[in-house]
Protein backbone atom coordinates (compact mmCIF):
# COMPACT_ATOMS: atom_id res chain seq x y z
CA MET A 1 -11.68 72.43 -3.97
CA THR A 2 -11.03 69.89 -1.63
CA ILE A 3 -11.87 66.30 -2.58
CA PRO A 4 -14.66 65.29 -0.24
CA TYR A 5 -14.76 61.59 1.97
CA ALA A 6 -11.62 60.29 0.57
CA VAL A 7 -10.07 57.05 2.42
CA THR A 8 -7.02 57.42 4.28
CA ASP A 9 -3.91 55.59 5.03
CA VAL A 10 -5.41 54.35 8.45
CA ASP A 11 -8.69 53.23 6.90
CA ILE A 12 -6.43 51.57 4.16
CA ASN A 13 -4.16 49.77 6.86
CA ARG A 14 -7.06 48.98 9.04
CA VAL A 15 -8.50 47.28 5.79
CA SER A 16 -5.51 45.18 4.71
CA LYS A 17 -4.82 43.96 8.68
CA SER A 18 -8.25 42.37 8.27
CA PHE A 19 -8.09 41.21 5.03
CA VAL A 20 -4.75 39.47 5.63
CA GLN A 21 -5.97 37.94 8.91
CA SER A 22 -8.66 36.28 7.22
CA ASN A 23 -7.17 35.07 3.91
CA LEU A 24 -3.17 34.87 3.96
CA GLY A 25 -3.73 30.92 5.05
CA SER A 26 -5.26 30.47 1.92
CA PHE A 27 -1.55 31.18 0.10
CA ALA A 28 1.34 28.97 0.13
CA ILE A 29 3.40 32.38 1.19
CA SER A 30 2.03 31.74 4.23
CA THR A 31 3.98 28.61 5.13
CA MET A 32 7.38 29.73 3.60
CA PRO A 33 10.01 30.71 6.40
CA LYS A 34 10.67 34.15 5.98
CA ALA A 35 13.52 36.71 6.01
CA LEU A 36 13.59 40.13 6.19
CA CYS A 37 15.83 41.81 4.00
CA LEU A 38 16.56 45.63 2.33
CA ASP A 39 15.88 46.97 -0.81
CA ARG A 40 16.52 50.03 -2.49
CA PHE A 41 13.88 51.87 -1.12
CA THR A 42 14.21 50.29 2.68
CA GLY A 43 18.55 50.75 2.09
CA ARG A 44 21.55 51.39 -0.18
CA SER A 45 20.89 48.18 -1.94
CA ASN A 46 18.83 45.03 -3.24
CA LYS A 47 21.32 42.74 -2.88
CA THR A 48 21.86 40.76 0.58
CA ASP A 49 24.66 38.06 1.15
CA TYR A 50 25.30 35.95 3.86
CA ASP A 51 27.43 32.81 5.26
CA LEU A 52 25.74 29.93 5.61
CA ALA A 53 27.18 27.22 7.52
CA SER A 54 27.91 23.51 6.14
CA LEU A 55 25.58 21.13 7.19
CA SER A 56 28.47 18.70 8.10
CA ASN A 57 29.77 21.05 10.86
CA ALA A 58 27.17 19.48 13.24
CA LEU A 59 28.37 16.33 12.50
CA LEU A 60 31.12 13.98 14.36
CA GLU A 61 34.54 12.85 12.36
CA GLY A 62 36.12 10.14 13.10
CA THR A 63 39.07 12.70 14.38
CA ASN A 64 37.06 15.21 16.35
CA LEU A 65 36.51 13.37 19.77
CA ARG A 66 39.54 12.39 21.31
CA ASP A 67 40.84 11.04 24.75
CA TRP A 68 41.47 13.68 27.27
CA SER A 69 42.66 14.63 30.52
CA PRO A 70 43.61 17.56 33.06
CA GLY A 71 46.70 18.73 32.42
CA ILE A 72 46.75 17.94 28.75
CA ASP A 73 46.41 20.64 26.23
CA PRO A 74 43.03 19.97 24.16
CA PRO A 75 42.77 19.08 20.92
CA ALA A 76 43.25 22.24 17.98
CA PRO A 77 40.24 23.94 17.11
CA ASN A 78 38.44 23.28 13.80
CA THR A 79 37.33 25.80 11.22
CA LEU A 80 33.77 25.58 9.95
CA ALA A 81 32.99 25.29 6.89
CA GLU A 82 30.35 27.61 5.09
CA THR A 83 29.55 28.93 1.54
CA ALA A 84 28.35 31.98 0.39
CA VAL A 85 24.48 32.93 0.01
CA SER A 86 23.21 35.72 -2.33
CA PHE A 87 19.95 37.11 -3.61
CA SER A 88 18.68 40.12 -4.74
CA VAL A 89 14.68 41.36 -4.23
CA ARG A 90 12.64 43.47 -6.55
CA ILE A 91 10.09 46.11 -5.70
CA ARG A 92 6.92 45.51 -7.61
CA SER A 93 3.32 47.15 -7.95
CA THR A 94 0.25 46.30 -9.61
CA GLN A 95 -1.82 48.65 -11.95
CA SER A 96 -3.75 51.06 -10.19
CA ILE A 97 -7.43 51.03 -9.69
CA ILE A 98 -8.62 54.38 -9.91
CA ARG A 99 -11.85 55.79 -7.97
CA PRO A 100 -13.32 58.73 -9.15
CA MET A 101 -14.33 61.14 -6.43
CA ARG A 102 -18.02 62.05 -6.78
CA ARG A 103 -20.23 64.02 -5.09
CA GLY A 104 -23.07 62.65 -2.91
CA GLN A 105 -20.81 59.29 -2.40
CA THR A 106 -21.03 59.16 1.51
CA MET A 107 -17.74 57.72 3.66
CA GLU A 108 -19.69 54.51 4.00
CA HIS A 109 -19.92 53.69 0.35
CA ARG A 110 -16.07 54.53 -0.16
CA PHE A 111 -14.96 52.57 2.60
CA ALA A 112 -17.50 49.30 1.76
CA ASP A 113 -16.04 49.72 -1.90
CA LEU A 114 -11.93 49.69 -0.12
CA GLU A 115 -12.78 46.67 1.74
CA ASN A 116 -15.16 44.76 -0.97
CA ASN A 117 -12.66 45.68 -3.90
CA ILE A 118 -9.62 47.39 -3.33
CA VAL A 119 -7.64 45.96 -0.70
CA PRO A 120 -8.77 42.62 -1.82
CA ILE A 121 -7.90 42.92 -5.58
CA GLN A 122 -5.14 44.48 -5.08
CA LEU A 123 -3.45 42.45 -1.94
CA SER A 124 -4.61 39.10 -3.47
CA LYS A 125 -2.52 39.79 -6.66
CA THR A 126 1.09 40.40 -4.57
CA TYR A 127 0.19 37.47 -2.64
CA GLN A 128 -1.11 35.52 -6.37
CA SER A 129 2.65 36.91 -7.17
CA MET A 130 4.25 35.09 -4.86
CA ASP A 131 2.81 32.15 -4.87
CA ALA A 132 3.54 31.60 -8.51
CA ASP A 133 7.45 32.67 -7.84
CA ILE A 134 7.36 29.69 -5.12
CA ALA A 135 5.58 27.16 -7.50
CA ALA A 136 7.95 28.13 -10.16
CA ALA A 137 11.11 27.30 -7.73
CA MET A 138 9.83 24.21 -6.90
CA THR A 139 10.11 22.88 -10.82
CA ASN A 140 13.30 24.53 -11.25
CA ALA A 141 15.61 22.03 -12.71
CA SER A 142 18.31 24.29 -11.98
CA LEU A 143 17.54 24.17 -8.61
CA PHE A 144 16.09 20.50 -8.19
CA GLN A 145 16.28 17.34 -9.57
CA SER A 146 13.23 16.04 -11.10
CA PHE A 147 12.50 12.14 -10.63
CA GLY A 148 10.09 10.11 -12.87
CA PHE A 149 7.72 7.59 -11.44
CA SER A 150 7.91 3.50 -12.48
CA GLY A 151 5.15 2.30 -15.10
CA THR A 152 4.89 1.81 -18.68
CA ALA A 153 6.36 3.96 -21.17
CA GLY A 154 4.19 6.72 -22.55
CA GLU A 155 1.52 6.75 -19.72
CA GLY A 156 0.93 8.42 -16.27
CA LEU A 157 -0.33 7.94 -12.76
CA ASP A 158 -3.59 9.15 -14.31
CA GLN A 159 -4.15 6.07 -16.52
CA PRO A 160 -6.07 3.29 -14.32
CA SER A 161 -5.13 1.03 -16.83
CA ASP A 162 -1.42 1.25 -16.20
CA TYR A 163 -1.81 0.92 -12.39
CA ALA A 164 -0.30 -3.01 -12.29
CA ASN A 165 3.13 -1.52 -13.53
CA GLN A 166 2.76 1.50 -10.99
CA ASN A 167 4.23 2.25 -7.42
CA PRO A 168 4.72 5.51 -6.74
CA VAL A 169 4.91 5.46 -2.88
CA ARG A 170 7.97 3.38 -3.41
CA ASP A 171 9.42 5.92 -6.27
CA ILE A 172 8.87 8.92 -3.75
CA GLU A 173 10.27 7.16 -0.70
CA ASN A 174 13.91 6.38 -2.87
CA GLN A 175 14.20 9.76 -2.58
CA LEU A 176 12.96 10.51 0.44
CA VAL A 177 15.30 8.58 2.15
CA LEU A 178 18.48 10.61 0.76
CA LEU A 179 16.45 13.88 2.32
CA ARG A 180 14.98 12.50 5.34
CA PRO A 181 17.85 12.26 7.65
CA TYR A 182 18.77 15.40 7.31
CA SER A 183 15.18 16.40 9.04
CA ASN A 184 17.47 15.71 12.34
CA PHE A 185 18.98 18.99 12.05
CA ALA A 186 17.21 21.95 14.35
CA GLY A 187 14.92 23.23 12.91
CA MET A 188 14.30 21.44 9.63
CA GLU A 189 10.60 20.50 8.86
CA LEU A 190 10.12 18.08 5.80
CA ARG A 191 7.19 19.24 4.06
CA CYS A 192 5.52 18.18 0.63
CA TYR A 193 3.32 20.83 -1.41
CA MET A 194 1.25 19.75 -4.45
CA SER A 195 -1.21 21.11 -6.64
CA GLY A 196 -4.93 20.20 -6.08
CA LYS A 197 -4.75 18.23 -9.46
CA VAL A 198 -1.99 16.25 -8.62
CA ALA A 199 -3.64 15.80 -5.09
CA SER A 200 -6.88 14.17 -6.95
CA VAL A 201 -4.54 11.63 -8.74
CA LEU A 202 -2.91 10.39 -5.96
CA ALA A 203 -6.22 10.25 -4.22
CA SER A 204 -7.75 7.83 -6.51
CA HIS A 205 -4.09 5.47 -7.18
CA PRO A 206 -4.32 2.26 -5.01
CA SER A 207 -1.22 2.85 -4.12
CA TYR A 208 -2.66 5.38 -1.48
CA THR A 209 -6.62 4.32 -1.32
CA GLY A 210 -5.36 0.32 -0.51
CA GLY A 211 -6.80 -0.88 -3.83
CA GLY A 212 -4.49 -3.18 -4.63
CA SER A 213 -1.81 -3.26 -7.48
CA GLY A 214 -3.98 -4.03 -10.73
CA SER A 215 -7.17 -2.47 -9.79
CA ALA A 216 -9.13 -1.24 -13.12
CA VAL A 217 -10.80 1.19 -10.88
CA ALA A 218 -9.67 2.49 -7.76
CA SER A 219 -11.84 4.22 -4.96
CA GLY A 220 -10.93 7.67 -4.47
CA LEU A 221 -9.57 9.22 -0.81
CA PRO A 222 -11.48 12.06 0.61
CA ARG A 223 -9.06 15.41 0.31
CA ALA A 224 -8.66 15.53 4.17
CA ASP A 225 -8.09 11.88 4.61
CA PHE A 226 -5.84 11.37 1.27
CA ILE A 227 -3.61 14.25 2.76
CA SER A 228 -3.41 12.64 6.26
CA ARG A 229 -2.61 9.15 4.75
CA PHE A 230 0.27 10.63 2.46
CA SER A 231 1.58 12.64 5.63
CA SER A 232 1.99 9.35 7.59
CA LEU A 233 2.97 7.09 4.96
CA HIS A 234 5.97 9.49 4.12
CA GLY A 235 6.62 11.10 7.30
CA CYS A 236 5.83 14.58 6.18
CA LYS A 237 3.95 17.79 6.70
CA THR A 238 1.50 18.13 3.34
CA TYR A 239 0.14 21.05 1.66
CA VAL A 240 -2.53 21.18 -1.24
CA PHE A 241 -3.30 24.25 -3.02
CA ASP A 242 -5.94 24.99 -5.61
CA ASN A 243 -5.09 28.83 -6.10
CA LEU A 244 -5.93 30.49 -9.30
CA ILE A 245 -4.18 32.99 -11.20
CA ASN A 246 -4.50 34.31 -14.99
CA SER A 247 -1.09 33.03 -16.57
CA ASN A 248 -1.40 35.03 -20.12
CA GLY A 249 -0.07 38.74 -20.17
CA LEU A 250 -1.03 42.00 -19.39
CA GLY A 251 -3.98 42.93 -22.34
CA ALA A 252 -4.30 39.60 -23.54
CA THR A 253 -7.32 37.51 -22.87
CA ALA A 254 -7.32 35.94 -19.57
CA SER A 255 -6.40 32.50 -19.14
CA ILE A 256 -7.32 31.42 -15.54
CA VAL A 257 -5.39 28.22 -14.25
CA GLU A 258 -4.22 26.95 -10.83
CA THR A 259 -1.21 28.57 -9.91
CA PHE A 260 0.65 25.47 -9.12
CA ASN A 261 -0.93 23.65 -11.72
CA GLN A 262 -0.48 26.20 -14.51
CA THR A 263 -0.14 23.72 -17.15
CA ASN A 264 0.26 19.57 -16.52
CA ALA A 265 4.29 20.05 -17.56
CA SER A 266 4.94 22.34 -14.47
CA ALA A 267 2.31 20.54 -11.98
CA VAL A 268 3.82 20.89 -8.76
CA LEU A 269 4.99 17.56 -6.31
CA PHE A 270 7.91 19.05 -4.27
CA PHE A 271 9.59 17.70 -1.32
CA GLY A 272 11.64 19.95 0.87
CA LEU A 273 13.12 20.66 4.05
CA PHE A 274 12.12 23.95 5.11
CA ASP A 275 13.64 26.31 8.28
CA THR A 276 11.41 26.79 11.00
CA ARG A 277 13.73 28.00 13.66
CA GLY A 278 11.77 31.32 14.01
CA ALA A 279 8.79 33.33 12.71
CA SER A 280 11.48 35.35 10.52
CA PHE A 281 15.39 36.02 10.45
CA ASP A 282 16.49 39.25 10.34
CA LEU A 283 19.15 40.09 7.56
CA THR A 284 18.63 43.58 7.65
CA SER A 285 21.54 44.42 9.69
CA GLU A 286 25.09 43.42 9.10
CA MET A 287 25.84 42.51 13.24
CA THR A 288 22.78 39.82 12.61
CA ASN A 289 23.55 36.19 12.93
CA ASP A 290 20.79 34.94 11.32
CA ALA A 291 21.50 32.55 8.37
CA PRO A 292 18.16 31.05 6.69
CA ASP A 293 18.65 27.62 5.76
CA GLY A 294 16.41 25.14 3.80
CA CYS A 295 15.30 24.41 0.14
CA LEU A 296 13.50 27.60 -0.12
CA VAL A 297 13.19 31.13 1.81
CA TRP A 298 11.11 34.06 1.42
CA ALA A 299 13.15 37.26 1.43
CA SER A 300 11.03 40.14 2.02
CA SER A 301 11.96 43.62 2.35
CA GLN A 302 8.65 45.03 2.23
CA ASP A 303 5.36 43.47 3.04
CA PRO A 304 2.27 43.30 0.50
CA ARG A 305 0.11 46.52 1.16
CA VAL A 306 -1.81 49.38 -0.47
CA ASP A 307 -0.81 52.76 -1.44
CA GLN A 308 -3.09 55.32 -2.94
CA PHE A 309 -2.19 58.75 -3.91
CA LEU A 310 -5.16 61.76 -4.23
CA ASP A 311 -5.34 63.65 -7.16
CA GLU A 312 -7.41 66.94 -6.39
CA ARG A 313 -6.89 68.05 -10.11
CA LYS A 314 -8.00 65.29 -11.83
CA GLN A 315 -10.67 64.54 -8.66
CA VAL A 316 -9.45 60.82 -8.40
CA GLN A 317 -7.75 58.71 -5.88
CA GLU A 318 -5.62 55.96 -7.04
CA PHE A 319 -4.65 52.93 -5.49
CA TRP A 320 -1.62 50.11 -5.76
CA GLY A 321 -0.63 46.97 -4.75
CA ARG A 322 2.87 46.90 -3.46
CA CYS A 323 5.82 45.02 -2.13
CA GLY A 324 9.43 43.99 -2.41
CA TYR A 325 10.45 40.33 -2.17
CA THR A 326 12.35 37.03 -3.66
CA ILE A 327 11.99 33.18 -3.14
CA TYR A 328 15.28 32.14 -3.34
CA SER A 329 17.04 28.58 -2.54
CA PRO A 330 20.15 28.59 0.03
CA ARG A 331 21.26 25.27 -1.00
CA GLY A 332 19.41 24.35 -4.11
CA ALA A 333 22.20 23.74 -7.42
CA ALA A 334 20.48 20.71 -8.68
CA ALA A 335 23.12 18.58 -7.00
CA GLY A 336 20.50 15.85 -5.86
CA PRO A 337 18.27 15.99 -3.04
CA ALA A 338 20.94 15.66 0.38
CA ALA A 339 22.55 18.48 -0.93
CA ASP A 340 19.81 20.55 -2.57
CA LEU A 341 17.68 19.59 0.43
CA GLY A 342 14.93 19.31 -1.98
CA PHE A 343 13.29 17.58 -4.94
CA PHE A 344 10.45 17.37 -7.18
CA MET A 345 8.59 14.60 -8.87
CA GLN A 346 8.04 14.39 -12.81
CA ALA A 347 4.69 16.21 -13.68
CA GLU A 348 4.18 15.29 -17.26
CA THR A 349 5.39 11.90 -18.77
CA THR A 350 8.09 13.07 -21.40
CA ALA A 351 9.03 10.58 -24.31
CA GLY A 352 12.49 11.47 -23.94
CA PRO A 353 15.12 10.68 -24.14
CA PRO A 354 15.54 10.22 -21.28
CA ALA A 355 11.99 9.10 -21.05
CA ALA A 356 10.30 9.44 -18.12
CA VAL A 357 6.81 8.42 -16.71
CA GLY A 358 4.82 11.52 -14.82
CA VAL A 359 2.26 12.01 -12.88
CA PHE A 360 -0.15 13.06 -16.09
CA LYS A 361 0.15 11.16 -19.68
CA PRO A 362 0.24 14.19 -22.00
């Protein structure tokens, strides 16, 4: 017996495109440099390798520019330095959503369910996974160095009683001066990513509000005004994300938290240089000259999509969210801002050793 009114791949793709156009900008993954790659489904291997040119290749050395005139042999060629970059992608899938093919249900009902429930749920989960991996990379001490704030030991930037001893602007600038010169390289854009909770703390700190050092209570800045002032002050493009995620495992009681602030200890306040030379880099062919650079890159073998399977024996239709990707760092090795092209600020105050003041007091 044929199942009536089953939605097709054409219907799913149509609804998926509409969802992406309307909602992709809400996810941090939409801001990441993208590199196209292969996996075990689209190619022979899930591993990609390429050579990344050294930043020093574009810098003049003392002996590189020499006097020369016609009739004289030009200087000997110079070998360009490069390092190998390697990453592996994983194909990932959500659990399926099952819809019984009830008799009498119209195509309009099934399409509305696809538009309002199935596609938003499954695609949101795939994009949430990507955002969670971005947040994890931006607070990964094996990739980037972390730096604390000035202030009284045991306090945090969220403690008005210690404002007189704090200067987050200077603390951040102390690291940005090491990173900012590299933004002169073509295609490098200096950016800051932070969680909504971090933004709320900084937006009420006198270093940014202008309330003055030692203010017992600082006036707060509206979110848009804070982002504009923060970006102008530090010379970077600023992104603030309030996205949510369930941090507990499958089957456990849901724990809904901010993706970029799952705990105060893992809150994101990250600065880095991102490669913006193109909409995407194509690493699917060994003939390509593309070499994504910067602090972080989104490697995509399969963009998020919704797959379906029609089971006539069980009279159901199943829907999965699937993708293939990884978030990797071409430079990160926790060697300092100038080498990693990125760093993050201490999220939560630690007693040490070594003691460090963070955004939040524990």
